[in-house]
Amino acid sequence: MNVADSETMAGVLERAGMELTERPDEADAVILNTCAIREHAEQRVLGRLGDFARLKRLNPALVVGVAAAWRST
């Protein structure tokens, strides 16, 4: 489901005039899409946020966001 959600978000951002880059250090915005249900996924996001914090220090204008999928059972 995260892949489909990520593709939807990418489409919205592309229609808003943004383009996808493979390298976070080239980006104006970084969005992490995760599943809030699995603890391992949360730990991985926290690690990635640490990576992006370093980029943010180098580029204060960088926007960093987190999207979490919440599913009810």
Protein backbone atom coordinates (compact mmCIF):
# COMPACT_ATOMS: atom_id res chain seq x y z
CA MET A 1 0.00 0.00 0.00
CA ASN A 2 2.85 2.42 0.72
CA VAL A 3 4.01 2.12 -2.90
CA ALA A 4 0.57 3.13 -4.19
CA ASP A 5 0.36 5.96 -1.65
CA SER A 6 3.85 7.16 -2.61
CA GLU A 7 2.94 7.15 -6.30
CA THR A 8 -0.20 9.15 -5.55
CA MET A 9 1.78 11.73 -3.57
CA ALA A 10 4.41 11.93 -6.31
CA GLY A 11 1.69 12.58 -8.89
CA VAL A 12 0.18 15.38 -6.81
CA LEU A 13 3.59 17.00 -6.33
CA GLU A 14 4.44 16.66 -10.04
CA ARG A 15 1.15 18.35 -10.98
CA ALA A 16 2.16 21.13 -8.58
CA GLY A 17 5.32 21.67 -10.63
CA MET A 18 7.84 19.59 -8.72
CA GLU A 19 9.99 16.85 -10.22
CA LEU A 20 11.33 13.66 -8.71
CA THR A 21 15.03 13.31 -8.00
CA GLU A 22 16.93 10.19 -7.02
CA ARG A 23 19.30 12.08 -4.72
CA PRO A 24 18.01 13.70 -1.51
CA ASP A 25 20.90 16.18 -1.53
CA GLU A 26 19.48 17.62 -4.80
CA ALA A 27 15.93 17.96 -3.46
CA ASP A 28 14.00 21.00 -2.27
CA ALA A 29 11.65 18.73 -0.32
CA VAL A 30 11.89 15.19 1.04
CA ILE A 31 8.84 13.19 2.13
CA LEU A 32 9.17 9.88 3.92
CA ASN A 33 6.14 7.64 3.51
CA THR A 34 5.88 4.93 6.15
CA CYS A 35 3.50 2.57 7.82
CA ALA A 36 2.82 3.54 11.43
CA ILE A 37 1.75 0.01 12.30
CA ARG A 38 5.11 -1.74 12.12
CA GLU A 39 7.75 -0.86 14.70
CA HIS A 40 10.61 -1.76 12.35
CA ALA A 41 9.30 0.75 9.77
CA GLU A 42 9.19 3.46 12.43
CA GLN A 43 12.78 2.75 13.44
CA ARG A 44 13.92 2.97 9.82
CA VAL A 45 12.16 6.33 9.40
CA LEU A 46 13.86 7.69 12.52
CA GLY A 47 17.22 6.67 11.06
CA ARG A 48 16.42 8.33 7.73
CA LEU A 49 15.29 11.49 9.54
CA GLY A 50 18.74 11.64 11.11
CA ASP A 51 20.24 11.54 7.61
CA PHE A 52 17.92 14.30 6.43
CA ALA A 53 18.69 16.42 9.52
CA ARG A 54 22.27 16.60 8.27
CA LEU A 55 21.03 17.74 4.84
CA LYS A 56 18.75 20.30 6.53
CA ARG A 57 21.74 21.78 8.36
CA LEU A 58 23.50 22.20 5.01
CA ASN A 59 20.34 23.51 3.31
CA PRO A 60 18.01 25.26 5.80
CA ALA A 61 15.39 25.76 3.07
CA LEU A 62 14.96 21.98 2.66
CA VAL A 63 11.46 20.84 3.61
CA VAL A 64 11.34 17.45 5.35
CA GLY A 65 7.98 15.73 5.84
CA VAL A 66 6.72 12.39 7.10
CA ALA A 67 3.53 10.71 5.87
CA ALA A 68 2.30 7.75 7.89
CA ALA A 69 -0.37 5.33 6.76
CA TRP A 70 -2.86 4.48 9.50
CA ARG A 71 -5.18 1.60 8.81
CA SER A 72 -7.99 0.54 11.07
CA THR A 73 -8.64 -3.15 11.55
